[in-house]
Amino acid sequence: MAPPRKAKTEATRAAEDELPFEAAMDRLEAVVKSLEAGEIELETALSRFEEGVVLVRSCSQQLEVAERRIETLVRESDGLVARPFEVGEAENEVADAADDSEGEAL
């Protein structure tokens, strides 16, 4: 029978300490490379996988927070007005801007 695994590995605890987004992405890239290389023991691979999952969740949460903080500038009759960014909105604004520039070229 295998010995019981620790509830949280040292690497997982380290990943849970909120790293800045860029540092978390760098660490996640290093974790992925080590797993892809396949030259580590099973227990180490499992530990790195767990760390990677924690890092992905952390990055995802940080991106969600950043997304909520982003504001877009919208042109209205009384000038530019800031409003919260909404997912999918950027693509629509790019398409609208392209349509506007085509109309001006005619």
Foldseek 3Di string as FASTA:
>chain_A
DDDDDDPADPLLVVLLPQDPLVVLVVLLVVLVVVVVVVPDDPVVNVNSVNSNVSSVVSNVVVVVVVQQVDWDWDQDPVGTDTDRDDPPVVVVVVVVVVVVVVVVVD
